Amino acid sequence: MDYSCFEYHVNAIVGHEHYNEHKHLLESVHNLLRERFLQTLNLGYKIPETVYHINLSSRLPEKNYHRYMRFVQNNLSPTTFAGA
């Protein structure tokens, strides 16, 4: 996914105000992890939380990432993460 398309989708998911506040973080998302980033945003996480989860689990295969996110959702609130 190219960067402009990625930015567009992030803005559509989180809203213009939140996007503008945290758009500087989007440049750190590797091209191969952009789809995973959008999936995580769709789960209700904010951009900083999503960056945290993407970086923490960047080496996990896709099926293990989904297992990790199910674990996080079942055991933590969406605003509880070590990066805040």
PDB file of N, CA and C in Angstrom:
ATOM      1  N   MET A   1       0.846  -1.170   0.000  1.00  0.00           N
ATOM      2  CA  MET A   1       0.000   0.000   0.000  1.00  0.00           C
ATOM      3  C   MET A   1       0.895   1.237   0.000  1.00  0.00           C
ATOM      4  N   ASP A   2       0.632   2.148  -0.903  1.00  0.00           N
ATOM      5  CA  ASP A   2       1.456   3.349  -0.937  1.00  0.00           C
ATOM      6  C   ASP A   2       1.077   4.280   0.221  1.00  0.00           C
ATOM      7  N   TYR A   3       1.987   5.182   0.531  1.00  0.00           N
ATOM      8  CA  TYR A   3       1.856   6.002   1.738  1.00  0.00           C
ATOM      9  C   TYR A   3       0.638   6.923   1.699  1.00  0.00           C
ATOM     10  N   SER A   4       0.331   7.538   0.566  1.00  0.00           N
ATOM     11  CA  SER A   4      -0.810   8.447   0.501  1.00  0.00           C
ATOM     12  C   SER A   4      -2.127   7.707   0.708  1.00  0.00           C
ATOM     13  N   CYS A   5      -2.227   6.510   0.186  1.00  0.00           N
ATOM     14  CA  CYS A   5      -3.418   5.679   0.403  1.00  0.00           C
ATOM     15  C   CYS A   5      -3.518   5.283   1.883  1.00  0.00           C
ATOM     16  N   PHE A   6      -2.393   4.927   2.456  1.00  0.00           N
ATOM     17  CA  PHE A   6      -2.340   4.582   3.882  1.00  0.00           C
ATOM     18  C   PHE A   6      -2.820   5.751   4.748  1.00  0.00           C
ATOM     19  N   GLU A   7      -2.299   6.951   4.474  1.00  0.00           N
ATOM     20  CA  GLU A   7      -2.720   8.135   5.223  1.00  0.00           C
ATOM     21  C   GLU A   7      -4.221   8.380   5.085  1.00  0.00           C
ATOM     22  N   TYR A   8      -4.720   8.226   3.884  1.00  0.00           N
ATOM     23  CA  TYR A   8      -6.152   8.427   3.632  1.00  0.00           C
ATOM     24  C   TYR A   8      -6.989   7.482   4.486  1.00  0.00           C
ATOM     25  N   HIS A   9      -6.619   6.217   4.517  1.00  0.00           N
ATOM     26  CA  HIS A   9      -7.383   5.227   5.290  1.00  0.00           C
ATOM     27  C   HIS A   9      -7.292   5.488   6.791  1.00  0.00           C
ATOM     28  N   VAL A  10      -6.117   5.864   7.265  1.00  0.00           N
ATOM     29  CA  VAL A  10      -5.971   6.183   8.688  1.00  0.00           C
ATOM     30  C   VAL A  10      -6.868   7.356   9.047  1.00  0.00           C
ATOM     31  N   ASN A  11      -6.868   8.391   8.243  1.00  0.00           N
ATOM     32  CA  ASN A  11      -7.699   9.567   8.479  1.00  0.00           C
ATOM     33  C   ASN A  11      -9.174   9.186   8.494  1.00  0.00           C
ATOM     34  N   ALA A  12      -9.591   8.321   7.592  1.00  0.00           N
ATOM     35  CA  ALA A  12     -10.987   7.891   7.525  1.00  0.00           C
ATOM     36  C   ALA A  12     -11.392   7.090   8.760  1.00  0.00           C
ATOM     37  N   ILE A  13     -10.475   6.326   9.310  1.00  0.00           N
ATOM     38  CA  ILE A  13     -10.790   5.484  10.468  1.00  0.00           C
ATOM     39  C   ILE A  13     -10.826   6.297  11.760  1.00  0.00           C
ATOM     40  N   VAL A  14      -9.823   7.137  11.991  1.00  0.00           N
ATOM     41  CA  VAL A  14      -9.695   7.800  13.295  1.00  0.00           C
ATOM     42  C   VAL A  14     -10.277   9.209  13.340  1.00  0.00           C
ATOM     43  N   GLY A  15     -10.525   9.809  12.207  1.00  0.00           N
ATOM     44  CA  GLY A  15     -11.040  11.167  12.185  1.00  0.00           C
ATOM     45  C   GLY A  15      -9.922  12.187  12.018  1.00  0.00           C
ATOM     46  N   HIS A  16     -10.296  13.321  11.473  1.00  0.00           N
ATOM     47  CA  HIS A  16      -9.317  14.332  11.076  1.00  0.00           C
ATOM     48  C   HIS A  16      -8.528  14.897  12.267  1.00  0.00           C
ATOM     49  N   GLU A  17      -9.202  15.153  13.375  1.00  0.00           N
ATOM     50  CA  GLU A  17      -8.514  15.762  14.532  1.00  0.00           C
ATOM     51  C   GLU A  17      -7.446  14.832  15.106  1.00  0.00           C
ATOM     52  N   HIS A  18      -7.810  13.580  15.347  1.00  0.00           N
ATOM     53  CA  HIS A  18      -6.849  12.613  15.894  1.00  0.00           C
ATOM     54  C   HIS A  18      -5.730  12.350  14.891  1.00  0.00           C
ATOM     55  N   TYR A  19      -6.080  12.270  13.619  1.00  0.00           N
ATOM     56  CA  TYR A  19      -5.089  12.066  12.567  1.00  0.00           C
ATOM     57  C   TYR A  19      -4.059  13.191  12.562  1.00  0.00           C
ATOM     58  N   ASN A  20      -4.520  14.438  12.598  1.00  0.00           N
ATOM     59  CA  ASN A  20      -3.593  15.576  12.587  1.00  0.00           C
ATOM     60  C   ASN A  20      -2.697  15.602  13.812  1.00  0.00           C
ATOM     61  N   GLU A  21      -3.224  15.179  14.952  1.00  0.00           N
ATOM     62  CA  GLU A  21      -2.446  15.178  16.185  1.00  0.00           C
ATOM     63  C   GLU A  21      -1.308  14.165  16.147  1.00  0.00           C
ATOM     64  N   HIS A  22      -1.505  13.056  15.459  1.00  0.00           N
ATOM     65  CA  HIS A  22      -0.533  11.953  15.509  1.00  0.00           C
ATOM     66  C   HIS A  22       0.014  11.535  14.153  1.00  0.00           C
ATOM     67  N   LYS A  23      -0.202  12.316  13.104  1.00  0.00           N
ATOM     68  CA  LYS A  23       0.237  11.887  11.776  1.00  0.00           C
ATOM     69  C   LYS A  23       1.755  11.736  11.659  1.00  0.00           C
ATOM     70  N   HIS A  24       2.500  12.386  12.528  1.00  0.00           N
ATOM     71  CA  HIS A  24       3.964  12.241  12.503  1.00  0.00           C
ATOM     72  C   HIS A  24       4.401  10.815  12.834  1.00  0.00           C
ATOM     73  N   LEU A  25       3.553  10.067  13.524  1.00  0.00           N
ATOM     74  CA  LEU A  25       3.887   8.684  13.879  1.00  0.00           C
ATOM     75  C   LEU A  25       3.717   7.722  12.707  1.00  0.00           C
ATOM     76  N   LEU A  26       2.929   8.107  11.729  1.00  0.00           N
ATOM     77  CA  LEU A  26       2.630   7.201  10.617  1.00  0.00           C
ATOM     78  C   LEU A  26       3.852   6.890   9.763  1.00  0.00           C
ATOM     79  N   GLU A  27       4.788   7.810   9.704  1.00  0.00           N
ATOM     80  CA  GLU A  27       5.991   7.590   8.904  1.00  0.00           C
ATOM     81  C   GLU A  27       6.832   6.439   9.433  1.00  0.00           C
ATOM     82  N   SER A  28       6.643   6.088  10.703  1.00  0.00           N
ATOM     83  CA  SER A  28       7.429   5.008  11.299  1.00  0.00           C
ATOM     84  C   SER A  28       6.875   3.623  10.975  1.00  0.00           C
ATOM     85  N   VAL A  29       5.698   3.561  10.383  1.00  0.00           N
ATOM     86  CA  VAL A  29       5.073   2.274  10.082  1.00  0.00           C
ATOM     87  C   VAL A  29       5.657   1.735   8.776  1.00  0.00           C
ATOM     88  N   HIS A  30       6.273   0.583   8.872  1.00  0.00           N
ATOM     89  CA  HIS A  30       6.889  -0.052   7.702  1.00  0.00           C
ATOM     90  C   HIS A  30       5.807  -0.415   6.686  1.00  0.00           C
ATOM     91  N   ASN A  31       6.168  -0.335   5.429  1.00  0.00           N
ATOM     92  CA  ASN A  31       5.245  -0.628   4.344  1.00  0.00           C
ATOM     93  C   ASN A  31       4.563  -1.992   4.510  1.00  0.00           C
ATOM     94  N   LEU A  32       5.303  -2.993   4.941  1.00  0.00           N
ATOM     95  CA  LEU A  32       4.743  -4.337   5.093  1.00  0.00           C
ATOM     96  C   LEU A  32       3.774  -4.458   6.253  1.00  0.00           C
ATOM     97  N   LEU A  33       3.766  -3.477   7.159  1.00  0.00           N
ATOM     98  CA  LEU A  33       2.892  -3.548   8.328  1.00  0.00           C
ATOM     99  C   LEU A  33       1.698  -2.586   8.246  1.00  0.00           C
ATOM    100  N   ARG A  34       1.534  -1.914   7.145  1.00  0.00           N
ATOM    101  CA  ARG A  34       0.459  -0.921   7.039  1.00  0.00           C
ATOM    102  C   ARG A  34      -0.928  -1.546   7.097  1.00  0.00           C
ATOM    103  N   GLU A  35      -1.115  -2.676   6.470  1.00  0.00           N
ATOM    104  CA  GLU A  35      -2.423  -3.342   6.512  1.00  0.00           C
ATOM    105  C   GLU A  35      -2.741  -3.787   7.942  1.00  0.00           C
ATOM    106  N   ARG A  36      -1.764  -4.315   8.626  1.00  0.00           N
ATOM    107  CA  ARG A  36      -1.917  -4.717  10.018  1.00  0.00           C
ATOM    108  C   ARG A  36      -2.247  -3.502  10.887  1.00  0.00           C
ATOM    109  N   PHE A  37      -1.623  -2.384  10.600  1.00  0.00           N
ATOM    110  CA  PHE A  37      -1.873  -1.135  11.320  1.00  0.00           C
ATOM    111  C   PHE A  37      -3.339  -0.727  11.157  1.00  0.00           C
ATOM    112  N   LEU A  38      -3.850  -0.772   9.942  1.00  0.00           N
ATOM    113  CA  LEU A  38      -5.246  -0.402   9.689  1.00  0.00           C
ATOM    114  C   LEU A  38      -6.204  -1.367  10.379  1.00  0.00           C
ATOM    115  N   GLN A  39      -5.883  -2.647  10.378  1.00  0.00           N
ATOM    116  CA  GLN A  39      -6.721  -3.629  11.064  1.00  0.00           C
ATOM    117  C   GLN A  39      -6.796  -3.325  12.557  1.00  0.00           C
ATOM    118  N   THR A  40      -5.671  -2.937  13.132  1.00  0.00           N
ATOM    119  CA  THR A  40      -5.626  -2.637  14.561  1.00  0.00           C
ATOM    120  C   THR A  40      -6.396  -1.358  14.871  1.00  0.00           C
ATOM    121  N   LEU A  41      -6.288  -0.362  14.020  1.00  0.00           N
ATOM    122  CA  LEU A  41      -7.091   0.860  14.211  1.00  0.00           C
ATOM    123  C   LEU A  41      -8.578   0.524  14.174  1.00  0.00           C
ATOM    124  N   ASN A  42      -8.964  -0.365  13.293  1.00  0.00           N
ATOM    125  CA  ASN A  42     -10.378  -0.751  13.185  1.00  0.00           C
ATOM    126  C   ASN A  42     -10.878  -1.477  14.431  1.00  0.00           C
ATOM    127  N   LEU A  43      -9.971  -1.973  15.252  1.00  0.00           N
ATOM    128  CA  LEU A  43     -10.365  -2.615  16.512  1.00  0.00           C
ATOM    129  C   LEU A  43     -10.677  -1.578  17.600  1.00  0.00           C
ATOM    130  N   GLY A  44     -10.402  -0.313  17.321  1.00  0.00           N
ATOM    131  CA  GLY A  44     -10.722   0.742  18.270  1.00  0.00           C
ATOM    132  C   GLY A  44      -9.532   1.361  18.973  1.00  0.00           C
ATOM    133  N   TYR A  45      -8.342   0.978  18.586  1.00  0.00           N
ATOM    134  CA  TYR A  45      -7.155   1.541  19.208  1.00  0.00           C
ATOM    135  C   TYR A  45      -6.803   2.876  18.568  1.00  0.00           C
ATOM    136  N   LYS A  46      -6.217   3.761  19.341  1.00  0.00           N
ATOM    137  CA  LYS A  46      -5.761   5.050  18.837  1.00  0.00           C
ATOM    138  C   LYS A  46      -4.393   4.871  18.173  1.00  0.00           C
ATOM    139  N   ILE A  47      -3.949   5.875  17.445  1.00  0.00           N
ATOM    140  CA  ILE A  47      -2.700   5.762  16.681  1.00  0.00           C
ATOM    141  C   ILE A  47      -1.498   5.416  17.565  1.00  0.00           C
ATOM    142  N   PRO A  48      -1.258   6.113  18.700  1.00  0.00           N
ATOM    143  CA  PRO A  48      -0.080   5.739  19.516  1.00  0.00           C
ATOM    144  C   PRO A  48      -0.142   4.302  20.027  1.00  0.00           C
ATOM    145  N   GLU A  49      -1.325   3.842  20.417  1.00  0.00           N
ATOM    146  CA  GLU A  49      -1.472   2.471  20.897  1.00  0.00           C
ATOM    147  C   GLU A  49      -1.223   1.478  19.773  1.00  0.00           C
ATOM    148  N   THR A  50      -1.700   1.815  18.597  1.00  0.00           N
ATOM    149  CA  THR A  50      -1.516   0.939  17.446  1.00  0.00           C
ATOM    150  C   THR A  50      -0.044   0.845  17.071  1.00  0.00           C
ATOM    151  N   VAL A  51       0.660   1.955  17.088  1.00  0.00           N
ATOM    152  CA  VAL A  51       2.107   1.938  16.816  1.00  0.00           C
ATOM    153  C   VAL A  51       2.806   1.040  17.829  1.00  0.00           C
ATOM    154  N   TYR A  52       2.419   1.143  19.088  1.00  0.00           N
ATOM    155  CA  TYR A  52       3.012   0.310  20.130  1.00  0.00           C
ATOM    156  C   TYR A  52       2.813  -1.181  19.812  1.00  0.00           C
ATOM    157  N   HIS A  53       1.572  -1.569  19.520  1.00  0.00           N
ATOM    158  CA  HIS A  53       1.283  -2.982  19.259  1.00  0.00           C
ATOM    159  C   HIS A  53       1.959  -3.473  17.977  1.00  0.00           C
ATOM    160  N   ILE A  54       1.999  -2.638  16.959  1.00  0.00           N
ATOM    161  CA  ILE A  54       2.646  -3.022  15.709  1.00  0.00           C
ATOM    162  C   ILE A  54       4.147  -3.223  15.931  1.00  0.00           C
ATOM    163  N   ASN A  55       4.777  -2.313  16.648  1.00  0.00           N
ATOM    164  CA  ASN A  55       6.217  -2.447  16.907  1.00  0.00           C
ATOM    165  C   ASN A  55       6.525  -3.653  17.789  1.00  0.00           C
ATOM    166  N   LEU A  56       5.703  -3.877  18.798  1.00  0.00           N
ATOM    167  CA  LEU A  56       5.915  -5.001  19.706  1.00  0.00           C
ATOM    168  C   LEU A  56       5.798  -6.341  18.988  1.00  0.00           C
ATOM    169  N   SER A  57       4.905  -6.414  18.033  1.00  0.00           N
ATOM    170  CA  SER A  57       4.619  -7.700  17.398  1.00  0.00           C
ATOM    171  C   SER A  57       5.043  -7.759  15.938  1.00  0.00           C
ATOM    172  N   SER A  58       5.946  -6.913  15.542  1.00  0.00           N
ATOM    173  CA  SER A  58       6.300  -6.817  14.124  1.00  0.00           C
ATOM    174  C   SER A  58       6.866  -8.109  13.530  1.00  0.00           C
ATOM    175  N   ARG A  59       7.449  -8.942  14.344  1.00  0.00           N
ATOM    176  CA  ARG A  59       8.054 -10.183  13.826  1.00  0.00           C
ATOM    177  C   ARG A  59       7.100 -11.373  13.861  1.00  0.00           C
ATOM    178  N   LEU A  60       5.921 -11.163  14.406  1.00  0.00           N
ATOM    179  CA  LEU A  60       4.966 -12.266  14.460  1.00  0.00           C
ATOM    180  C   LEU A  60       4.356 -12.529  13.093  1.00  0.00           C
ATOM    181  N   PRO A  61       4.153 -13.794  12.752  1.00  0.00           N
ATOM    182  CA  PRO A  61       3.395 -14.097  11.538  1.00  0.00           C
ATOM    183  C   PRO A  61       1.951 -13.601  11.711  1.00  0.00           C
ATOM    184  N   GLU A  62       1.259 -13.452  10.628  1.00  0.00           N
ATOM    185  CA  GLU A  62      -0.087 -12.859  10.650  1.00  0.00           C
ATOM    186  C   GLU A  62      -1.036 -13.582  11.609  1.00  0.00           C
ATOM    187  N   LYS A  63      -1.079 -14.924  11.573  1.00  0.00           N
ATOM    188  CA  LYS A  63      -2.017 -15.642  12.446  1.00  0.00           C
ATOM    189  C   LYS A  63      -1.663 -15.433  13.921  1.00  0.00           C
ATOM    190  N   ASN A  64      -0.377 -15.341  14.242  1.00  0.00           N
ATOM    191  CA  ASN A  64       0.015 -15.110  15.631  1.00  0.00           C
ATOM    192  C   ASN A  64      -0.274 -13.676  16.054  1.00  0.00           C
ATOM    193  N   TYR A  65      -0.196 -12.743  15.120  1.00  0.00           N
ATOM    194  CA  TYR A  65      -0.562 -11.360  15.443  1.00  0.00           C
ATOM    195  C   TYR A  65      -2.032 -11.275  15.830  1.00  0.00           C
ATOM    196  N   HIS A  66      -2.879 -11.961  15.096  1.00  0.00           N
ATOM    197  CA  HIS A  66      -4.310 -11.949  15.426  1.00  0.00           C
ATOM    198  C   HIS A  66      -4.560 -12.609  16.786  1.00  0.00           C
ATOM    199  N   ARG A  67      -3.824 -13.647  17.092  1.00  0.00           N
ATOM    200  CA  ARG A  67      -3.933 -14.277  18.419  1.00  0.00           C
ATOM    201  C   ARG A  67      -3.472 -13.312  19.509  1.00  0.00           C
ATOM    202  N   TYR A  68      -2.381 -12.598  19.255  1.00  0.00           N
ATOM    203  CA  TYR A  68      -1.875 -11.604  20.200  1.00  0.00           C
ATOM    204  C   TYR A  68      -2.925 -10.518  20.446  1.00  0.00           C
ATOM    205  N   MET A  69      -3.534 -10.011  19.379  1.00  0.00           N
ATOM    206  CA  MET A  69      -4.524  -8.947  19.542  1.00  0.00           C
ATOM    207  C   MET A  69      -5.770  -9.447  20.264  1.00  0.00           C
ATOM    208  N   ARG A  70      -6.185 -10.691  20.031  1.00  0.00           N
ATOM    209  CA  ARG A  70      -7.315 -11.252  20.785  1.00  0.00           C
ATOM    210  C   ARG A  70      -6.964 -11.324  22.267  1.00  0.00           C
ATOM    211  N   PHE A  71      -5.740 -11.734  22.577  1.00  0.00           N
ATOM    212  CA  PHE A  71      -5.295 -11.781  23.971  1.00  0.00           C
ATOM    213  C   PHE A  71      -5.340 -10.389  24.594  1.00  0.00           C
ATOM    214  N   VAL A  72      -4.815  -9.396  23.887  1.00  0.00           N
ATOM    215  CA  VAL A  72      -4.800  -8.023  24.391  1.00  0.00           C
ATOM    216  C   VAL A  72      -6.226  -7.535  24.622  1.00  0.00           C
ATOM    217  N   GLN A  73      -7.106  -7.776  23.681  1.00  0.00           N
ATOM    218  CA  GLN A  73      -8.490  -7.321  23.814  1.00  0.00           C
ATOM    219  C   GLN A  73      -9.203  -7.997  24.975  1.00  0.00           C
ATOM    220  N   ASN A  74      -8.911  -9.254  25.220  1.00  0.00           N
ATOM    221  CA  ASN A  74      -9.573  -9.983  26.298  1.00  0.00           C
ATOM    222  C   ASN A  74      -9.008  -9.658  27.673  1.00  0.00           C
ATOM    223  N   ASN A  75      -7.771  -9.164  27.730  1.00  0.00           N
ATOM    224  CA  ASN A  75      -7.121  -8.979  29.013  1.00  0.00           C
ATOM    225  C   ASN A  75      -6.810  -7.533  29.378  1.00  0.00           C
ATOM    226  N   LEU A  76      -6.877  -6.627  28.429  1.00  0.00           N
ATOM    227  CA  LEU A  76      -6.562  -5.232  28.686  1.00  0.00           C
ATOM    228  C   LEU A  76      -7.616  -4.355  28.046  1.00  0.00           C
ATOM    229  N   SER A  77      -7.813  -3.183  28.602  1.00  0.00           N
ATOM    230  CA  SER A  77      -8.674  -2.218  27.926  1.00  0.00           C
ATOM    231  C   SER A  77      -7.905  -1.630  26.759  1.00  0.00           C
ATOM    232  N   PRO A  78      -8.582  -1.094  25.748  1.00  0.00           N
ATOM    233  CA  PRO A  78      -7.872  -0.541  24.584  1.00  0.00           C
ATOM    234  C   PRO A  78      -6.929   0.606  24.941  1.00  0.00           C
ATOM    235  N   THR A  79      -7.127   1.264  26.071  1.00  0.00           N
ATOM    236  CA  THR A  79      -6.256   2.380  26.425  1.00  0.00           C
ATOM    237  C   THR A  79      -5.148   1.988  27.387  1.00  0.00           C
ATOM    238  N   THR A  80      -5.041   0.703  27.711  1.00  0.00           N
ATOM    239  CA  THR A  80      -3.997   0.252  28.611  1.00  0.00           C
ATOM    240  C   THR A  80      -2.851  -0.339  27.801  1.00  0.00           C
ATOM    241  N   PHE A  81      -1.748   0.335  27.776  1.00  0.00           N
ATOM    242  CA  PHE A  81      -0.563  -0.189  27.120  1.00  0.00           C
ATOM    243  C   PHE A  81       0.649   0.506  27.677  1.00  0.00           C
ATOM    244  N   ALA A  82       1.786  -0.103  27.535  1.00  0.00           N
ATOM    245  CA  ALA A  82       2.995   0.393  28.192  1.00  0.00           C
ATOM    246  C   ALA A  82       3.576   1.633  27.524  1.00  0.00           C
ATOM    247  N   GLY A  83       3.116   1.978  26.348  1.00  0.00           N
ATOM    248  CA  GLY A  83       3.697   3.093  25.618  1.00  0.00           C
ATOM    249  C   GLY A  83       3.145   4.448  25.993  1.00  0.00           C
ATOM    250  N   ALA A  84       2.183   4.526  26.886  1.00  0.00           N
ATOM    251  CA  ALA A  84       1.577   5.828  27.203  1.00  0.00           C
ATOM    252  C   ALA A  84       2.278   6.501  28.345  1.00  0.00           C
TER     253      ALA A  84
END
